[in-house]
Structure formats: C-alpha cells, structure tokens
Amino acid sequence: MAQYQCVQFGICTRADKGECFDTAGDFKCGRDPEDPDCQGKLEPMTGGSKSGLGLKLGLAIAVVAVLAVAGMYLFKSPSGSQPPPTDVSAAQLLKEVWPWLP
C-alpha cells in the first residue's frame, strides 16, 4: 500500500515529525483546524534512502575492485624475467657497473 507524507513543514506538526500516512479509507489529517484539502497536499513517499545506500555500497565495492586489479597488475612479477644469480660476488657486480675498477 502506498505511503504518503505531508510537505507543509512549519504549518503541520505531523509534517515536521516526518509521519507517514496511508490514505486508504476515511483519511483525517488530525490537524487543528482541519485542512479540507490536506489529502491533496500529500506527496508519495519514495525509497530514496534505501536506493542511496545501495548506490553508495555499490560504488564502494567497485572502487575496491578497481584498486585490487590495479594492485595485482602493478605488483606482479614480470613473466619473462630471470631470477638473480645467487653466486655472484660484489666485485663482479661492481665491474659490470664500473668496468675500470680493478
């Protein structure tokens, strides 16, 4: 069943409280004095807060997924690289960089 809310803020105390109304049957707003056109001034309630939460949660999941894929791409080892030699001395490595060293 559809729920409605009064938008006469500052005039209607029930609008200020954020109360929801069901307009089925004999609707009375309960305001003093009674507004004869009160039912015509009600607006349907929307699920904005629920969809907003879903949108924020979905956006956060998408950001985490993109960061995870980027991290995997950046930190993976190159597939064609050779492992570093294990029995190379420091003198041999220095000669590769500076060949004039004794």
PDB file of N, CA and C in Angstrom:
ATOM      1  N   MET A   1       0.839  -1.168   0.000  1.00  0.00           N
ATOM      2  CA  MET A   1       0.000   0.000   0.000  1.00  0.00           C
ATOM      3  C   MET A   1       0.892   1.242   0.000  1.00  0.00           C
ATOM      4  N   ALA A   2       0.512   2.252  -0.730  1.00  0.00           N
ATOM      5  CA  ALA A   2       1.325   3.453  -0.863  1.00  0.00           C
ATOM      6  C   ALA A   2       1.294   4.284   0.409  1.00  0.00           C
ATOM      7  N   GLN A   3       2.425   4.823   0.746  1.00  0.00           N
ATOM      8  CA  GLN A   3       2.550   5.704   1.901  1.00  0.00           C
ATOM      9  C   GLN A   3       2.760   7.123   1.396  1.00  0.00           C
ATOM     10  N   TYR A   4       2.184   8.077   2.130  1.00  0.00           N
ATOM     11  CA  TYR A   4       2.277   9.479   1.747  1.00  0.00           C
ATOM     12  C   TYR A   4       2.812  10.289   2.916  1.00  0.00           C
ATOM     13  N   GLN A   5       3.360  11.475   2.591  1.00  0.00           N
ATOM     14  CA  GLN A   5       3.892  12.357   3.614  1.00  0.00           C
ATOM     15  C   GLN A   5       3.442  13.777   3.329  1.00  0.00           C
ATOM     16  N   CYS A   6       3.129  14.494   4.406  1.00  0.00           N
ATOM     17  CA  CYS A   6       2.728  15.892   4.286  1.00  0.00           C
ATOM     18  C   CYS A   6       3.972  16.737   4.063  1.00  0.00           C
ATOM     19  N   VAL A   7       3.860  17.723   3.166  1.00  0.00           N
ATOM     20  CA  VAL A   7       5.001  18.581   2.866  1.00  0.00           C
ATOM     21  C   VAL A   7       4.780  20.016   3.347  1.00  0.00           C
ATOM     22  N   GLN A   8       3.806  20.233   4.206  1.00  0.00           N
ATOM     23  CA  GLN A   8       3.534  21.567   4.730  1.00  0.00           C
ATOM     24  C   GLN A   8       4.345  21.782   6.007  1.00  0.00           C
ATOM     25  N   PHE A   9       5.663  21.816   5.859  1.00  0.00           N
ATOM     26  CA  PHE A   9       6.541  21.972   7.005  1.00  0.00           C
ATOM     27  C   PHE A   9       6.380  23.362   7.606  1.00  0.00           C
ATOM     28  N   GLY A  10       6.365  23.422   8.920  1.00  0.00           N
ATOM     29  CA  GLY A  10       6.165  24.679   9.622  1.00  0.00           C
ATOM     30  C   GLY A  10       4.696  24.984   9.863  1.00  0.00           C
ATOM     31  N   ILE A  11       3.805  24.372   9.116  1.00  0.00           N
ATOM     32  CA  ILE A  11       2.360  24.566   9.278  1.00  0.00           C
ATOM     33  C   ILE A  11       1.751  23.356   9.962  1.00  0.00           C
ATOM     34  N   CYS A  12       2.155  22.184   9.524  1.00  0.00           N
ATOM     35  CA  CYS A  12       1.608  20.928  10.033  1.00  0.00           C
ATOM     36  C   CYS A  12       2.640  20.261  10.946  1.00  0.00           C
ATOM     37  N   THR A  13       2.237  19.990  12.176  1.00  0.00           N
ATOM     38  CA  THR A  13       3.163  19.346  13.121  1.00  0.00           C
ATOM     39  C   THR A  13       3.480  17.917  12.696  1.00  0.00           C
ATOM     40  N   ARG A  14       2.545  17.256  12.030  1.00  0.00           N
ATOM     41  CA  ARG A  14       2.795  15.892  11.566  1.00  0.00           C
ATOM     42  C   ARG A  14       3.801  15.883  10.418  1.00  0.00           C
ATOM     43  N   ALA A  15       3.831  16.947   9.622  1.00  0.00           N
ATOM     44  CA  ALA A  15       4.843  17.066   8.567  1.00  0.00           C
ATOM     45  C   ALA A  15       6.213  17.299   9.198  1.00  0.00           C
ATOM     46  N   ASP A  16       6.246  18.112  10.249  1.00  0.00           N
ATOM     47  CA  ASP A  16       7.513  18.381  10.931  1.00  0.00           C
ATOM     48  C   ASP A  16       8.079  17.126  11.585  1.00  0.00           C
ATOM     49  N   LYS A  17       7.212  16.225  12.032  1.00  0.00           N
ATOM     50  CA  LYS A  17       7.657  14.976  12.654  1.00  0.00           C
ATOM     51  C   LYS A  17       8.048  13.932  11.606  1.00  0.00           C
ATOM     52  N   GLY A  18       7.687  14.146  10.339  1.00  0.00           N
ATOM     53  CA  GLY A  18       8.012  13.201   9.272  1.00  0.00           C
ATOM     54  C   GLY A  18       7.110  11.978   9.268  1.00  0.00           C
ATOM     55  N   GLU A  19       5.875  12.122   9.743  1.00  0.00           N
ATOM     56  CA  GLU A  19       4.954  10.979   9.802  1.00  0.00           C
ATOM     57  C   GLU A  19       4.519  10.563   8.401  1.00  0.00           C
ATOM     58  N   CYS A  20       4.262   9.289   8.256  1.00  0.00           N
ATOM     59  CA  CYS A  20       3.751   8.739   7.002  1.00  0.00           C
ATOM     60  C   CYS A  20       2.265   8.448   7.166  1.00  0.00           C
ATOM     61  N   PHE A  21       1.530   8.591   6.080  1.00  0.00           N
ATOM     62  CA  PHE A  21       0.083   8.387   6.110  1.00  0.00           C
ATOM     63  C   PHE A  21      -0.325   7.347   5.084  1.00  0.00           C
ATOM     64  N   ASP A  22      -1.353   6.609   5.408  1.00  0.00           N
ATOM     65  CA  ASP A  22      -1.992   5.704   4.472  1.00  0.00           C
ATOM     66  C   ASP A  22      -3.333   6.343   4.144  1.00  0.00           C
ATOM     67  N   THR A  23      -3.594   6.636   2.883  1.00  0.00           N
ATOM     68  CA  THR A  23      -4.789   7.386   2.515  1.00  0.00           C
ATOM     69  C   THR A  23      -5.977   6.498   2.195  1.00  0.00           C
ATOM     70  N   ALA A  24      -5.861   5.191   2.451  1.00  0.00           N
ATOM     71  CA  ALA A  24      -6.991   4.303   2.188  1.00  0.00           C
ATOM     72  C   ALA A  24      -8.098   4.566   3.210  1.00  0.00           C
ATOM     73  N   GLY A  25      -9.309   4.512   2.766  1.00  0.00           N
ATOM     74  CA  GLY A  25     -10.444   4.686   3.661  1.00  0.00           C
ATOM     75  C   GLY A  25     -10.706   6.149   3.951  1.00  0.00           C
ATOM     76  N   ASP A  26     -11.217   6.425   5.158  1.00  0.00           N
ATOM     77  CA  ASP A  26     -11.570   7.778   5.573  1.00  0.00           C
ATOM     78  C   ASP A  26     -10.334   8.455   6.162  1.00  0.00           C
ATOM     79  N   PHE A  27      -9.689   9.335   5.385  1.00  0.00           N
ATOM     80  CA  PHE A  27      -8.458   9.978   5.822  1.00  0.00           C
ATOM     81  C   PHE A  27      -8.760  11.267   6.558  1.00  0.00           C
ATOM     82  N   LYS A  28      -8.177  11.419   7.725  1.00  0.00           N
ATOM     83  CA  LYS A  28      -8.256  12.666   8.503  1.00  0.00           C
ATOM     84  C   LYS A  28      -6.835  13.020   8.918  1.00  0.00           C
ATOM     85  N   CYS A  29      -6.427  14.236   8.664  1.00  0.00           N
ATOM     86  CA  CYS A  29      -5.052  14.594   8.997  1.00  0.00           C
ATOM     87  C   CYS A  29      -4.884  14.832  10.494  1.00  0.00           C
ATOM     88  N   GLY A  30      -5.908  15.223  11.192  1.00  0.00           N
ATOM     89  CA  GLY A  30      -5.814  15.426  12.630  1.00  0.00           C
ATOM     90  C   GLY A  30      -5.257  16.778  13.019  1.00  0.00           C
ATOM     91  N   ARG A  31      -5.095  17.662  12.077  1.00  0.00           N
ATOM     92  CA  ARG A  31      -4.573  18.996  12.381  1.00  0.00           C
ATOM     93  C   ARG A  31      -5.698  19.877  12.898  1.00  0.00           C
ATOM     94  N   ASP A  32      -5.358  20.809  13.764  1.00  0.00           N
ATOM     95  CA  ASP A  32      -6.370  21.724  14.305  1.00  0.00           C
ATOM     96  C   ASP A  32      -6.023  23.131  13.847  1.00  0.00           C
ATOM     97  N   PRO A  33      -6.773  23.794  13.036  1.00  0.00           N
ATOM     98  CA  PRO A  33      -8.024  23.385  12.403  1.00  0.00           C
ATOM     99  C   PRO A  33      -7.758  22.440  11.234  1.00  0.00           C
ATOM    100  N   GLU A  34      -8.731  21.613  10.972  1.00  0.00           N
ATOM    101  CA  GLU A  34      -8.646  20.614   9.908  1.00  0.00           C
ATOM    102  C   GLU A  34      -8.570  21.311   8.546  1.00  0.00           C
ATOM    103  N   ASP A  35      -7.620  20.884   7.725  1.00  0.00           N
ATOM    104  CA  ASP A  35      -7.465  21.410   6.370  1.00  0.00           C
ATOM    105  C   ASP A  35      -8.313  20.544   5.444  1.00  0.00           C
ATOM    106  N   PRO A  36      -9.312  21.099   4.760  1.00  0.00           N
ATOM    107  CA  PRO A  36     -10.181  20.282   3.916  1.00  0.00           C
ATOM    108  C   PRO A  36      -9.436  19.700   2.708  1.00  0.00           C
ATOM    109  N   ASP A  37      -8.346  20.305   2.265  1.00  0.00           N
ATOM    110  CA  ASP A  37      -7.621  19.820   1.098  1.00  0.00           C
ATOM    111  C   ASP A  37      -6.293  19.164   1.507  1.00  0.00           C
ATOM    112  N   CYS A  38      -6.236  18.654   2.735  1.00  0.00           N
ATOM    113  CA  CYS A  38      -4.993  18.070   3.246  1.00  0.00           C
ATOM    114  C   CYS A  38      -4.555  16.873   2.417  1.00  0.00           C
ATOM    115  N   GLN A  39      -5.474  16.018   2.030  1.00  0.00           N
ATOM    116  CA  GLN A  39      -5.114  14.815   1.271  1.00  0.00           C
ATOM    117  C   GLN A  39      -4.516  15.180  -0.083  1.00  0.00           C
ATOM    118  N   GLY A  40      -4.933  16.281  -0.660  1.00  0.00           N
ATOM    119  CA  GLY A  40      -4.387  16.726  -1.944  1.00  0.00           C
ATOM    120  C   GLY A  40      -2.981  17.286  -1.826  1.00  0.00           C
ATOM    121  N   LYS A  41      -2.554  17.617  -0.619  1.00  0.00           N
ATOM    122  CA  LYS A  41      -1.223  18.196  -0.410  1.00  0.00           C
ATOM    123  C   LYS A  41      -0.198  17.157   0.027  1.00  0.00           C
ATOM    124  N   LEU A  42      -0.583  15.896   0.045  1.00  0.00           N
ATOM    125  CA  LEU A  42       0.351  14.832   0.414  1.00  0.00           C
ATOM    126  C   LEU A  42       1.150  14.403  -0.804  1.00  0.00           C
ATOM    127  N   GLU A  43       2.394  14.019  -0.578  1.00  0.00           N
ATOM    128  CA  GLU A  43       3.235  13.520  -1.661  1.00  0.00           C
ATOM    129  C   GLU A  43       3.617  12.082  -1.363  1.00  0.00           C
ATOM    130  N   PRO A  44       3.707  11.250  -2.402  1.00  0.00           N
ATOM    131  CA  PRO A  44       4.072   9.845  -2.172  1.00  0.00           C
ATOM    132  C   PRO A  44       5.493   9.722  -1.637  1.00  0.00           C
ATOM    133  N   MET A  45       5.664   8.781  -0.732  1.00  0.00           N
ATOM    134  CA  MET A  45       6.985   8.510  -0.172  1.00  0.00           C
ATOM    135  C   MET A  45       7.785   7.720  -1.197  1.00  0.00           C
ATOM    136  N   THR A  46       9.061   8.052  -1.326  1.00  0.00           N
ATOM    137  CA  THR A  46       9.942   7.317  -2.216  1.00  0.00           C
ATOM    138  C   THR A  46      10.969   6.583  -1.384  1.00  0.00           C
ATOM    139  N   GLY A  47      11.564   5.568  -1.952  1.00  0.00           N
ATOM    140  CA  GLY A  47      12.602   4.798  -1.265  1.00  0.00           C
ATOM    141  C   GLY A  47      13.977   5.388  -1.488  1.00  0.00           C
ATOM    142  N   GLY A  48      14.107   6.697  -1.441  1.00  0.00           N
ATOM    143  CA  GLY A  48      15.368   7.361  -1.719  1.00  0.00           C
ATOM    144  C   GLY A  48      16.492   6.955  -0.801  1.00  0.00           C
ATOM    145  N   SER A  49      16.197   6.782   0.472  1.00  0.00           N
ATOM    146  CA  SER A  49      17.280   6.453   1.393  1.00  0.00           C
ATOM    147  C   SER A  49      17.800   5.043   1.154  1.00  0.00           C
ATOM    148  N   LYS A  50      16.939   4.115   0.802  1.00  0.00           N
ATOM    149  CA  LYS A  50      17.386   2.752   0.545  1.00  0.00           C
ATOM    150  C   LYS A  50      18.204   2.687  -0.737  1.00  0.00           C
ATOM    151  N   SER A  51      17.735   3.332  -1.792  1.00  0.00           N
ATOM    152  CA  SER A  51      18.472   3.282  -3.047  1.00  0.00           C
ATOM    153  C   SER A  51      19.772   4.064  -2.930  1.00  0.00           C
ATOM    154  N   GLY A  52      19.796   5.113  -2.140  1.00  0.00           N
ATOM    155  CA  GLY A  52      21.018   5.862  -1.921  1.00  0.00           C
ATOM    156  C   GLY A  52      22.058   5.006  -1.216  1.00  0.00           C
ATOM    157  N   LEU A  53      21.629   4.208  -0.260  1.00  0.00           N
ATOM    158  CA  LEU A  53      22.541   3.320   0.450  1.00  0.00           C
ATOM    159  C   LEU A  53      23.085   2.260  -0.492  1.00  0.00           C
ATOM    160  N   GLY A  54      22.227   1.702  -1.327  1.00  0.00           N
ATOM    161  CA  GLY A  54      22.675   0.698  -2.295  1.00  0.00           C
ATOM    162  C   GLY A  54      23.662   1.280  -3.296  1.00  0.00           C
ATOM    163  N   LEU A  55      23.417   2.511  -3.718  1.00  0.00           N
ATOM    164  CA  LEU A  55      24.318   3.168  -4.658  1.00  0.00           C
ATOM    165  C   LEU A  55      25.679   3.406  -4.012  1.00  0.00           C
ATOM    166  N   LYS A  56      25.696   3.862  -2.773  1.00  0.00           N
ATOM    167  CA  LYS A  56      26.964   4.102  -2.075  1.00  0.00           C
ATOM    168  C   LYS A  56      27.716   2.802  -1.851  1.00  0.00           C
ATOM    169  N   LEU A  57      27.022   1.762  -1.473  1.00  0.00           N
ATOM    170  CA  LEU A  57      27.659   0.474  -1.243  1.00  0.00           C
ATOM    171  C   LEU A  57      28.207  -0.099  -2.549  1.00  0.00           C
ATOM    172  N   GLY A  58      27.448  -0.003  -3.612  1.00  0.00           N
ATOM    173  CA  GLY A  58      27.901  -0.488  -4.913  1.00  0.00           C
ATOM    174  C   GLY A  58      29.106   0.293  -5.422  1.00  0.00           C
ATOM    175  N   LEU A  59      29.118   1.595  -5.199  1.00  0.00           N
ATOM    176  CA  LEU A  59      30.247   2.417  -5.607  1.00  0.00           C
ATOM    177  C   LEU A  59      31.501   2.046  -4.819  1.00  0.00           C
ATOM    178  N   ALA A  60      31.347   1.805  -3.523  1.00  0.00           N
ATOM    179  CA  ALA A  60      32.496   1.406  -2.701  1.00  0.00           C
ATOM    180  C   ALA A  60      33.054   0.058  -3.154  1.00  0.00           C
ATOM    181  N   ILE A  61      32.197  -0.878  -3.473  1.00  0.00           N
ATOM    182  CA  ILE A  61      32.649  -2.189  -3.952  1.00  0.00           C
ATOM    183  C   ILE A  61      33.373  -2.055  -5.288  1.00  0.00           C
ATOM    184  N   ALA A  62      32.862  -1.210  -6.169  1.00  0.00           N
ATOM    185  CA  ALA A  62      33.502  -1.009  -7.466  1.00  0.00           C
ATOM    186  C   ALA A  62      34.885  -0.386  -7.302  1.00  0.00           C
ATOM    187  N   VAL A  63      35.036   0.573  -6.394  1.00  0.00           N
ATOM    188  CA  VAL A  63      36.332   1.213  -6.162  1.00  0.00           C
ATOM    189  C   VAL A  63      37.332   0.195  -5.613  1.00  0.00           C
ATOM    190  N   VAL A  64      36.895  -0.632  -4.670  1.00  0.00           N
ATOM    191  CA  VAL A  64      37.778  -1.653  -4.108  1.00  0.00           C
ATOM    192  C   VAL A  64      38.202  -2.651  -5.191  1.00  0.00           C
ATOM    193  N   ALA A  65      37.284  -3.033  -6.054  1.00  0.00           N
ATOM    194  CA  ALA A  65      37.616  -3.974  -7.123  1.00  0.00           C
ATOM    195  C   ALA A  65      38.635  -3.378  -8.094  1.00  0.00           C
ATOM    196  N   VAL A  66      38.462  -2.116  -8.448  1.00  0.00           N
ATOM    197  CA  VAL A  66      39.410  -1.461  -9.363  1.00  0.00           C
ATOM    198  C   VAL A  66      40.785  -1.359  -8.709  1.00  0.00           C
ATOM    199  N   LEU A  67      40.833  -0.997  -7.425  1.00  0.00           N
ATOM    200  CA  LEU A  67      42.116  -0.910  -6.731  1.00  0.00           C
ATOM    201  C   LEU A  67      42.786  -2.276  -6.614  1.00  0.00           C
ATOM    202  N   ALA A  68      42.012  -3.326  -6.403  1.00  0.00           N
ATOM    203  CA  ALA A  68      42.576  -4.667  -6.307  1.00  0.00           C
ATOM    204  C   ALA A  68      43.184  -5.105  -7.644  1.00  0.00           C
ATOM    205  N   VAL A  69      42.493  -4.850  -8.737  1.00  0.00           N
ATOM    206  CA  VAL A  69      43.013  -5.214 -10.055  1.00  0.00           C
ATOM    207  C   VAL A  69      44.262  -4.395 -10.373  1.00  0.00           C
ATOM    208  N   ALA A  70      44.239  -3.106 -10.048  1.00  0.00           N
ATOM    209  CA  ALA A  70      45.410  -2.263 -10.296  1.00  0.00           C
ATOM    210  C   ALA A  70      46.596  -2.731  -9.454  1.00  0.00           C
ATOM    211  N   GLY A  71      46.355  -3.105  -8.209  1.00  0.00           N
ATOM    212  CA  GLY A  71      47.429  -3.604  -7.350  1.00  0.00           C
ATOM    213  C   GLY A  71      48.006  -4.902  -7.864  1.00  0.00           C
ATOM    214  N   MET A  72      47.172  -5.791  -8.334  1.00  0.00           N
ATOM    215  CA  MET A  72      47.659  -7.054  -8.895  1.00  0.00           C
ATOM    216  C   MET A  72      48.499  -6.790 -10.142  1.00  0.00           C
ATOM    217  N   TYR A  73      48.096  -5.853 -10.948  1.00  0.00           N
ATOM    218  CA  TYR A  73      48.834  -5.535 -12.162  1.00  0.00           C
ATOM    219  C   TYR A  73      50.179  -4.888 -11.834  1.00  0.00           C
ATOM    220  N   LEU A  74      50.192  -3.977 -10.860  1.00  0.00           N
ATOM    221  CA  LEU A  74      51.419  -3.266 -10.535  1.00  0.00           C
ATOM    222  C   LEU A  74      52.432  -4.127  -9.789  1.00  0.00           C
ATOM    223  N   PHE A  75      51.985  -5.012  -8.933  1.00  0.00           N
ATOM    224  CA  PHE A  75      52.885  -5.757  -8.077  1.00  0.00           C
ATOM    225  C   PHE A  75      53.169  -7.188  -8.542  1.00  0.00           C
ATOM    226  N   LYS A  76      52.711  -7.565  -9.704  1.00  0.00           N
ATOM    227  CA  LYS A  76      53.005  -8.911 -10.187  1.00  0.00           C
ATOM    228  C   LYS A  76      54.430  -8.956 -10.717  1.00  0.00           C
ATOM    229  N   SER A  77      55.043 -10.115 -10.640  1.00  0.00           N
ATOM    230  CA  SER A  77      56.405 -10.248 -11.141  1.00  0.00           C
ATOM    231  C   SER A  77      56.369 -10.366 -12.658  1.00  0.00           C
ATOM    232  N   PRO A  78      57.343  -9.796 -13.337  1.00  0.00           N
ATOM    233  CA  PRO A  78      57.369  -9.892 -14.795  1.00  0.00           C
ATOM    234  C   PRO A  78      57.519 -11.355 -15.218  1.00  0.00           C
ATOM    235  N   SER A  79      56.798 -11.753 -16.231  1.00  0.00           N
ATOM    236  CA  SER A  79      56.774 -13.158 -16.627  1.00  0.00           C
ATOM    237  C   SER A  79      58.053 -13.595 -17.329  1.00  0.00           C
ATOM    238  N   GLY A  80      58.770 -12.696 -18.009  1.00  0.00           N
ATOM    239  CA  GLY A  80      59.952 -13.078 -18.764  1.00  0.00           C
ATOM    240  C   GLY A  80      61.250 -12.799 -18.034  1.00  0.00           C
ATOM    241  N   SER A  81      61.238 -12.453 -16.785  1.00  0.00           N
ATOM    242  CA  SER A  81      62.479 -12.107 -16.095  1.00  0.00           C
ATOM    243  C   SER A  81      63.192 -13.349 -15.593  1.00  0.00           C
ATOM    244  N   GLN A  82      64.508 -13.232 -15.479  1.00  0.00           N
ATOM    245  CA  GLN A  82      65.322 -14.326 -14.974  1.00  0.00           C
ATOM    246  C   GLN A  82      65.583 -14.087 -13.490  1.00  0.00           C
ATOM    247  N   PRO A  83      65.703 -15.141 -12.726  1.00  0.00           N
ATOM    248  CA  PRO A  83      65.996 -14.948 -11.310  1.00  0.00           C
ATOM    249  C   PRO A  83      67.416 -14.410 -11.157  1.00  0.00           C
ATOM    250  N   PRO A  84      67.670 -13.613 -10.133  1.00  0.00           N
ATOM    251  CA  PRO A  84      69.010 -13.048  -9.961  1.00  0.00           C
ATOM    252  C   PRO A  84      70.017 -14.153  -9.656  1.00  0.00           C
ATOM    253  N   PRO A  85      71.244 -14.029 -10.136  1.00  0.00           N
ATOM    254  CA  PRO A  85      72.256 -15.051  -9.860  1.00  0.00           C
ATOM    255  C   PRO A  85      72.580 -15.078  -8.369  1.00  0.00           C
ATOM    256  N   THR A  86      72.775 -16.264  -7.855  1.00  0.00           N
ATOM    257  CA  THR A  86      72.990 -16.406  -6.418  1.00  0.00           C
ATOM    258  C   THR A  86      74.462 -16.447  -6.037  1.00  0.00           C
ATOM    259  N   ASP A  87      75.357 -16.823  -6.935  1.00  0.00           N
ATOM    260  CA  ASP A  87      76.763 -16.971  -6.567  1.00  0.00           C
ATOM    261  C   ASP A  87      77.643 -15.889  -7.205  1.00  0.00           C
ATOM    262  N   VAL A  88      77.124 -14.687  -7.365  1.00  0.00           N
ATOM    263  CA  VAL A  88      77.868 -13.583  -7.939  1.00  0.00           C
ATOM    264  C   VAL A  88      78.433 -12.754  -6.794  1.00  0.00           C
ATOM    265  N   SER A  89      79.688 -12.399  -6.891  1.00  0.00           N
ATOM    266  CA  SER A  89      80.313 -11.606  -5.834  1.00  0.00           C
ATOM    267  C   SER A  89      80.048 -10.126  -6.052  1.00  0.00           C
ATOM    268  N   ALA A  90      80.272  -9.368  -5.013  1.00  0.00           N
ATOM    269  CA  ALA A  90      80.067  -7.924  -5.099  1.00  0.00           C
ATOM    270  C   ALA A  90      81.064  -7.301  -6.067  1.00  0.00           C
ATOM    271  N   ALA A  91      82.287  -7.847  -6.132  1.00  0.00           N
ATOM    272  CA  ALA A  91      83.304  -7.311  -7.048  1.00  0.00           C
ATOM    273  C   ALA A  91      82.872  -7.489  -8.497  1.00  0.00           C
ATOM    274  N   GLN A  92      82.260  -8.619  -8.823  1.00  0.00           N
ATOM    275  CA  GLN A  92      81.801  -8.839 -10.200  1.00  0.00           C
ATOM    276  C   GLN A  92      80.665  -7.879 -10.546  1.00  0.00           C
ATOM    277  N   LEU A  93      79.779  -7.634  -9.618  1.00  0.00           N
ATOM    278  CA  LEU A  93      78.682  -6.693  -9.872  1.00  0.00           C
ATOM    279  C   LEU A  93      79.206  -5.282 -10.056  1.00  0.00           C
ATOM    280  N   LEU A  94      80.189  -4.893  -9.257  1.00  0.00           N
ATOM    281  CA  LEU A  94      80.758  -3.559  -9.394  1.00  0.00           C
ATOM    282  C   LEU A  94      81.489  -3.400 -10.721  1.00  0.00           C
ATOM    283  N   LYS A  95      82.153  -4.464 -11.216  1.00  0.00           N
ATOM    284  CA  LYS A  95      82.834  -4.399 -12.505  1.00  0.00           C
ATOM    285  C   LYS A  95      81.844  -4.251 -13.657  1.00  0.00           C
ATOM    286  N   GLU A  96      80.639  -4.770 -13.496  1.00  0.00           N
ATOM    287  CA  GLU A  96      79.630  -4.589 -14.548  1.00  0.00           C
ATOM    288  C   GLU A  96      79.198  -3.132 -14.617  1.00  0.00           C
ATOM    289  N   VAL A  97      79.154  -2.469 -13.501  1.00  0.00           N
ATOM    290  CA  VAL A  97      78.729  -1.074 -13.481  1.00  0.00           C
ATOM    291  C   VAL A  97      79.895  -0.167 -13.839  1.00  0.00           C
ATOM    292  N   TRP A  98      81.054  -0.406 -13.208  1.00  0.00           N
ATOM    293  CA  TRP A  98      82.248   0.411 -13.457  1.00  0.00           C
ATOM    294  C   TRP A  98      83.370  -0.504 -13.933  1.00  0.00           C
ATOM    295  N   PRO A  99      83.481  -0.700 -15.230  1.00  0.00           N
ATOM    296  CA  PRO A  99      84.464  -1.666 -15.747  1.00  0.00           C
ATOM    297  C   PRO A  99      85.907  -1.266 -15.476  1.00  0.00           C
ATOM    298  N   TRP A 100      86.259  -0.047 -15.193  1.00  0.00           N
ATOM    299  CA  TRP A 100      87.633   0.370 -14.967  1.00  0.00           C
ATOM    300  C   TRP A 100      88.154   0.025 -13.567  1.00  0.00           C
ATOM    301  N   LEU A 101      87.247  -0.448 -12.675  1.00  0.00           N
ATOM    302  CA  LEU A 101      87.689  -0.814 -11.333  1.00  0.00           C
ATOM    303  C   LEU A 101      88.543  -2.100 -11.398  1.00  0.00           C
ATOM    304  N   PRO A 102      89.597  -2.191 -10.518  1.00  0.00           N
ATOM    305  CA  PRO A 102      90.419  -3.404 -10.516  1.00  0.00           C
ATOM    306  C   PRO A 102      89.729  -4.598  -9.935  1.00  0.00           C
TER     307      PRO A 102
END
